[in-house]
């Protein structure tokens, strides 16, 4: 498919076309435009039925600010508790032995350093799953994401005026117990660049709820996006 600029009618180079968000930029006149209406997207196939409020989610709306809050807790946290007790307990006894008065074996002291790092991370993660929440606050100027109270990467602010579209992507994780799926909500700016708003959501309806509610509050008209999944 050849794509021409609607303003100067010059042919658009393939490097200036973002097929994921259907946004292109003209290298001649620098016009940025959406070309989804020229593609066979079949928007009627996209299910836009409202998604119900998921469990562990809270929503607050005072007309000026809109807040989505959800807990991190899942039953997986209980399994991690027992694993951490076993893992950390083993390391405690190991170091009690290593630092005993009768022997100071440096090899015993430094050998499990990586195991200690893993134990610290898993213990921190397990604690976060019990106490942390994610808050997505939206107003007329920006979208803000906060994870806490335990510090965690992923806090961000995105200007409302940079947001062109939101969509949900499914991630497949392969392990020894089979496939596992998590979900991400992405923000696409007016130049077609993608930013992950939130990730590691355990259920599809959680991600679709976040997408729908933000689009509704900000008045963003939903469009099909390449790579997205639909609400159930």
Foldseek 3Di string as FASTA:
>chain_A
DWDADPPPRHTFDPVQADQQQQWGARPPPRDIDHDPVVDPPPVVVFDPDAFDQDPQWDWDPPPFKIKIKGALADPVLVVLVVVLCVLVVVVVVLVCVCPDPVHPDVCSVPVCPVSVVVSVVSVLVSVLNVDKMWMWMDGQFWIWIDIDPPDDPQTDIDTPQFFQAKFKAKDWDQDPVGIAIKMWIWTAGSSGDIDTNDIRHRDPSVNSNVRVVNCVSNVHDHDDGPRGDHDD
